[in-house]
Amino acid sequence: MSFTGDDHRQLAITACEQIRKRHPTLAEAFVRTKTKGSVVVVGRFKSPKDPEAKPTLKNAQSVVDGGVRPFARAMLTRWESSRDQNPGPLDLRHARVINPEARRLYSMEVAVWSDFGSAELSVEEIRKKAEAHTRQLRTQGIEAYYFHDDDKRMSIVTIGVFGEDAYNPQTMLYSDAVEAVKKRYPNLLVNGEELMRLKRPGSSETTPEQTLLVEVPQ
C-alpha cells in the first residue's frame, strides 16, 4: 500500500497496524517514509534472488479479505534506507543540517531500542518508543535526539551535539561539556532498562553498560 499527501505517514501507520491485526501472516509489516509519501512493506531481502523474497511476495499476493485479494498487485521493490529521509528537528541527522561546515559531530547515546533478532518488537514500535523517550527528555529541557536504522531494526536516543573537541584521542579524555552529560546520564538504557554486563570475563560481578559518544550520521 502507498500513501501521499500531507498526512501520508500517519495514514500508512494506521493501515499497517490494521494489516498486522487482520492478517497474521503479515504481522511483520512496517512503514517506510520519504518526503513525498509512505508505503507499507513486508520483508527485507538482500536481492530479488534472496530465497525468502518470492515466498514472501506470494504470501502477500494470496491474502484474502472479504472475498478479494487486496494485495494481489504486491511487488518486490528496492527501497532506500531510512537514512535517506529528510530529517526533522528531533532527528539526530538534523545536526548536520544546521552545522553544514562541521567535519565531525558527536552526540552521547543514552538509550537504544531494538528487537535484537527476536521479532518481539516491530520496526514501528521501536521507532515510537525512541521518539517518545526523546520527547520526554525534551520536556525536561534536555537537548535530545533520536536516530532510526530500520535495516538494523534499531533506534537510539542521544543527548547534545558536540564538535571535534568532544574527545581527545591522545589523552582519551572527553570535553567538559561531554563529561557533564555523561555524569548526569552514566548508564545506557536498553529497551527502557539498564543493561548489566560482567565486569570481566569469568567474573560474577556485573556493572551497568555505560552511555557512549557516537558520531552524528551523515
Protein backbone atom coordinates (compact mmCIF):
# COMPACT_ATOMS: atom_id res chain seq x y z
CA MET A 1 0.00 0.00 0.00
CA SER A 2 1.21 3.52 -0.73
CA PHE A 3 0.06 6.92 0.52
CA THR A 4 0.67 10.53 -0.47
CA GLY A 5 -0.49 13.87 0.85
CA ASP A 6 0.35 15.89 3.94
CA ASP A 7 -0.60 13.10 6.36
CA HIS A 8 0.84 10.21 4.33
CA ARG A 9 2.92 8.82 7.18
CA GLN A 10 0.05 8.67 9.68
CA LEU A 11 -2.23 7.08 7.09
CA ALA A 12 0.41 4.45 6.36
CA ILE A 13 0.97 3.74 10.06
CA THR A 14 -2.77 3.28 10.63
CA ALA A 15 -3.09 0.99 7.62
CA CYS A 16 -0.05 -1.01 8.71
CA GLU A 17 -1.50 -1.58 12.18
CA GLN A 18 -4.76 -2.80 10.66
CA ILE A 19 -2.92 -5.15 8.31
CA ARG A 20 -0.93 -6.68 11.15
CA LYS A 21 -4.11 -7.26 13.19
CA ARG A 22 -6.22 -8.67 10.33
CA HIS A 23 -3.57 -10.79 8.64
CA PRO A 24 -1.23 -12.76 10.94
CA THR A 25 0.97 -13.82 8.03
CA LEU A 26 1.80 -10.11 7.50
CA ALA A 27 2.46 -9.42 11.19
CA GLU A 28 5.94 -8.10 10.36
CA ALA A 29 4.68 -5.37 8.01
CA PHE A 30 6.20 -1.95 8.60
CA VAL A 31 6.20 1.59 7.17
CA ARG A 32 8.87 3.25 5.08
CA THR A 33 8.66 7.00 4.56
CA LYS A 34 10.18 9.53 2.19
CA THR A 35 9.44 13.20 1.67
CA LYS A 36 6.63 12.71 -0.84
CA GLY A 37 4.93 9.62 0.55
CA SER A 38 4.87 6.46 2.67
CA VAL A 39 4.43 2.79 1.86
CA VAL A 40 3.53 -0.34 3.81
CA VAL A 41 6.01 -3.13 3.12
CA VAL A 42 6.93 -6.54 4.49
CA GLY A 43 10.23 -8.39 4.38
CA ARG A 44 13.88 -7.44 3.91
CA PHE A 45 15.93 -9.13 1.21
CA LYS A 46 19.49 -8.83 0.00
CA SER A 47 18.38 -9.14 -3.63
CA PRO A 48 15.41 -10.34 -5.74
CA LYS A 49 17.09 -13.77 -5.73
CA ASP A 50 17.02 -13.99 -1.95
CA PRO A 51 15.34 -17.37 -1.14
CA GLU A 52 12.85 -15.61 1.15
CA ALA A 53 11.79 -13.00 -1.40
CA LYS A 54 9.44 -14.93 -3.71
CA PRO A 55 7.67 -16.88 -0.92
CA THR A 56 7.03 -13.64 0.96
CA LEU A 57 5.72 -11.98 -2.20
CA LYS A 58 3.41 -14.90 -3.00
CA ASN A 59 2.16 -14.92 0.58
CA ALA A 60 1.20 -11.25 0.38
CA GLN A 61 -0.44 -11.68 -3.01
CA SER A 62 -2.51 -14.64 -1.80
CA VAL A 63 -4.03 -12.90 1.23
CA VAL A 64 -7.84 -12.93 1.00
CA ASP A 65 -10.03 -10.36 2.75
CA GLY A 66 -13.79 -10.22 2.14
CA GLY A 67 -13.53 -12.49 -0.87
CA VAL A 68 -10.89 -10.38 -2.62
CA ARG A 69 -7.11 -10.33 -2.66
CA PRO A 70 -6.23 -6.75 -1.61
CA PHE A 71 -2.51 -7.20 -2.21
CA ALA A 72 -2.66 -9.14 -5.46
CA ARG A 73 -0.54 -6.46 -7.15
CA ALA A 74 2.16 -6.51 -4.47
CA MET A 75 5.65 -6.43 -5.95
CA LEU A 76 9.28 -6.57 -4.95
CA THR A 77 10.77 -3.13 -4.69
CA ARG A 78 14.09 -1.56 -3.97
CA TRP A 79 13.79 0.93 -1.17
CA GLU A 80 16.36 3.38 0.12
CA SER A 81 17.42 3.19 3.74
CA SER A 82 15.63 5.36 6.29
CA ARG A 83 18.88 7.35 6.39
CA ASP A 84 17.79 8.92 3.08
CA GLN A 85 14.76 10.68 4.54
CA ASN A 86 14.81 14.39 5.22
CA PRO A 87 15.48 14.69 8.97
CA GLY A 88 13.06 16.52 11.24
CA PRO A 89 14.22 18.80 14.08
CA LEU A 90 14.43 15.91 16.60
CA ASP A 91 16.22 13.57 14.19
CA LEU A 92 19.93 13.40 15.07
CA ARG A 93 20.86 13.97 11.42
CA HIS A 94 19.32 17.44 11.71
CA ALA A 95 22.52 18.43 13.49
CA ARG A 96 24.26 18.08 10.13
CA VAL A 97 21.70 20.36 8.51
CA ILE A 98 22.29 23.19 10.98
CA ASN A 99 26.07 22.61 11.10
CA PRO A 100 26.86 22.11 7.40
CA GLU A 101 30.52 23.10 7.71
CA ALA A 102 31.35 20.75 10.59
CA ARG A 103 33.61 17.88 9.57
CA ARG A 104 32.73 15.77 12.61
CA LEU A 105 29.87 15.99 15.06
CA TYR A 106 29.19 13.82 18.09
CA SER A 107 26.34 13.09 20.47
CA MET A 108 26.00 10.99 23.64
CA GLU A 109 23.96 7.80 23.15
CA VAL A 110 21.86 7.28 26.27
CA ALA A 111 19.21 4.77 25.14
CA VAL A 112 18.60 2.16 22.46
CA TRP A 113 15.58 0.18 21.34
CA SER A 114 15.79 -2.98 19.24
CA ASP A 115 14.24 -6.44 18.94
CA PHE A 116 17.77 -7.92 18.76
CA GLY A 117 16.55 -10.52 16.30
CA SER A 118 13.66 -11.70 18.49
CA ALA A 119 10.88 -10.20 16.33
CA GLU A 120 9.10 -9.26 19.59
CA LEU A 121 9.02 -5.59 18.58
CA SER A 122 8.02 -4.27 15.17
CA VAL A 123 10.06 -1.54 13.50
CA GLU A 124 7.23 0.92 14.13
CA GLU A 125 7.15 0.04 17.85
CA ILE A 126 10.91 0.52 18.08
CA ARG A 127 10.65 3.91 16.37
CA LYS A 128 7.74 5.04 18.55
CA LYS A 129 9.50 4.13 21.80
CA ALA A 130 12.65 6.02 20.84
CA GLU A 131 10.70 9.07 19.71
CA ALA A 132 8.58 9.05 22.88
CA HIS A 133 11.72 8.91 25.05
CA THR A 134 13.22 11.77 23.07
CA ARG A 135 10.12 13.92 23.57
CA GLN A 136 10.09 13.08 27.27
CA LEU A 137 13.66 14.31 27.64
CA ARG A 138 12.81 17.43 25.64
CA THR A 139 10.02 18.29 28.10
CA GLN A 140 12.75 18.33 30.77
CA GLY A 141 14.75 20.85 28.80
CA ILE A 142 17.25 18.24 27.57
CA GLU A 143 18.64 18.52 24.02
CA ALA A 144 17.66 15.01 22.99
CA TYR A 145 17.53 13.42 19.53
CA TYR A 146 16.55 10.09 18.01
CA PHE A 147 18.07 8.17 15.10
CA HIS A 148 16.36 5.26 13.33
CA ASP A 149 18.15 2.48 11.50
CA ASP A 150 15.29 0.39 10.13
CA ASP A 151 17.63 -2.01 8.35
CA LYS A 152 19.09 -2.98 11.73
CA ARG A 153 15.67 -2.73 13.42
CA MET A 154 17.21 -0.34 15.92
CA SER A 155 16.63 3.21 17.15
CA ILE A 156 18.83 5.20 19.50
CA VAL A 157 18.32 8.30 21.64
CA THR A 158 21.17 10.73 22.14
CA ILE A 159 21.80 13.94 24.05
CA GLY A 160 23.70 17.01 22.91
CA VAL A 161 25.72 17.92 19.83
CA PHE A 162 29.47 18.32 20.18
CA GLY A 163 32.25 19.31 17.81
CA GLU A 164 35.62 17.74 17.07
CA ASP A 165 36.90 18.67 20.53
CA ALA A 166 34.38 16.31 22.17
CA TYR A 167 37.06 13.66 22.60
CA ASN A 168 40.84 13.82 22.67
CA PRO A 169 42.25 10.55 21.28
CA GLN A 170 45.68 11.27 22.75
CA THR A 171 44.59 11.87 26.33
CA MET A 172 41.42 9.73 25.97
CA LEU A 173 39.51 12.46 27.79
CA TYR A 174 36.12 13.96 26.99
CA SER A 175 35.46 17.68 26.85
CA ASP A 176 33.83 19.33 29.86
CA ALA A 177 30.50 19.55 28.00
CA VAL A 178 30.53 15.84 27.21
CA GLU A 179 31.57 14.94 30.76
CA ALA A 180 28.64 16.96 32.11
CA VAL A 181 26.17 14.87 30.06
CA LYS A 182 27.91 11.60 30.93
CA LYS A 183 27.84 12.46 34.63
CA ARG A 184 24.09 13.09 34.50
CA TYR A 185 23.37 10.05 32.31
CA PRO A 186 26.07 7.45 33.09
CA ASN A 187 24.14 4.27 32.28
CA LEU A 188 22.78 3.16 28.90
CA LEU A 189 19.11 2.19 28.74
CA VAL A 190 18.31 -0.81 26.53
CA ASN A 191 14.61 -1.16 25.74
CA GLY A 192 13.90 1.09 28.71
CA GLU A 193 16.04 -0.72 31.27
CA GLU A 194 19.67 -0.65 32.37
CA LEU A 195 21.73 -3.38 30.74
CA MET A 196 24.09 -5.20 33.11
CA ARG A 197 27.33 -6.76 31.87
CA LEU A 198 30.12 -8.74 33.51
CA LYS A 199 32.93 -6.58 34.87
CA ARG A 200 35.43 -9.03 33.37
CA PRO A 201 35.35 -12.48 31.73
CA GLY A 202 34.77 -15.25 34.25
CA SER A 203 33.59 -12.85 36.94
CA SER A 204 30.14 -12.98 38.53
CA GLU A 205 30.21 -9.26 39.27
CA THR A 206 28.16 -7.06 36.99
CA THR A 207 28.13 -3.38 36.15
CA PRO A 208 25.71 -1.23 34.11
CA GLU A 209 26.52 -0.67 30.44
CA GLN A 210 27.72 2.91 30.09
CA THR A 211 26.48 5.62 27.77
CA LEU A 212 28.77 6.27 24.83
CA LEU A 213 29.82 9.02 22.46
CA VAL A 214 28.68 8.41 18.87
CA GLU A 215 29.31 10.30 15.65
CA VAL A 216 26.33 12.06 14.13
CA PRO A 217 25.49 10.18 10.90
CA GLN A 218 25.78 11.86 7.55
